[in-house]
C-alpha cells in the first residue's frame, strides 16, 4: 500500500499544483482592480527602499529621510504624469479633424499613384471601408484608457503612502531582501534604458519635426518594459503619424532606420550589458509569461510580466518540491 502511495505521489503533487495555479489565476483575474495597483505600489516601495538604503550607505542620509525624499520624488513624477496625460488627451481630441483630412489626402495620393502605375483600385470600396473603421472612436478609447490609468495612479499613490507609513527598516528577511534587491535592480536598469530610448526617440522624431513627438517618446518609454514585442511596436508606432504628415517620403524611411538602430543599441547592447543575465528566466518562459500576464491583467500585466515571473521563480526555489519547476523557469528543462 505504501509503495502504491509513493508511486502516485508525484502525480498527486502535479495535480495539486495545477489546481493551485488555476485557483491563483482566478484570484488574480477577479481581484485585478485592487491587486494590480497594490503590486505596482509594492514594486515602487522596493525601489524606494533600495534607494534609501543606498543613500544611507553612500552619503550617510538617514534611512527614514531617504524614504521621505523618495516619496517626494514619486509624488513629483505622479503630478507631472497626470499633467502630461491631460495635455495628451486634449492634443488627441483637438487633432481628430485634422487627421481625418490628412487621411483623405493620403488616400487620394495612394489612388493617384496607383493610377499612374496602371493599378486599378476600387476607390469607393476603400473609402467605404475606411469610414467603417472606428479610428477616432479608438482615439477616444485611448483617451478613456489614459483617464483610467490616471485613476489607477491615484490608487497606487494611496497604497504607496500606506506602505511608506509602515515600520521602516532597512533590514529584511533573507528571501524578502533577495527579492527586493533583484527586482529593484531590474526596475532601475529598465527605467534607465527606457528613459534613454525615449529621449533618443524624441530627438529622432523632433529632427524631422514629427507631430506628437513627445507623446510617442512617452509611449516608447512605456512599451520598452514589454519584453521582445514592446520595442517592435515602439519602432513602428510613429509611422502612421509620419504617413499622415508627410506621406511615403524620406522622413518615414529615415525615422524607421534611426529608431531601429536606437532600439538595437539600447535593448541588445546596453540593457544586456547592464542587466547581465537579468532575472535568470529562459527566453521561452519570458514570452510565455508575457502572454499569460497580458491575458490576466492586460497591458499592465505585460509590463510587469518579467518581475512577477521572477518573483514566482524565487519563491518556488525555496521549497524542495517546487525546485524542479523553478529550474524549468530558469531554462533547466530537466525535472530530475
Foldseek 3Di string as FASTA:
>chain_A
DVVVCVVCVLVVVVVVVVVVVVVVLVVLQVCVVQVVLLVVLVLLVLLQLVQLVCCCVPVVDDSLVSSVVSLVVVVVVLVVLVVVLVVVLVVLVVCPVVLVVLVVVLLVVVCVVCVVVVHDDDSVVVVVVVVPPPPSVVSVVVNVVSVVVNVSSVSSSVSNVVVSPPDDDSDDPPLVVVLSVQSSLLVVLLQVLLLVLLVQQLVLCVVVPFPCSNVLSVQSSQLSLQPPVSLVCSLCVSLVSCCSVPNPDVSNVSSSVSSVVSCCCSPVPVSCVSQPCRLLFDPVLSVVLLVSLCVRNNSSRSSCSVSVVSSVLSVLCVDPSSPLVSVVRNPNPDSD
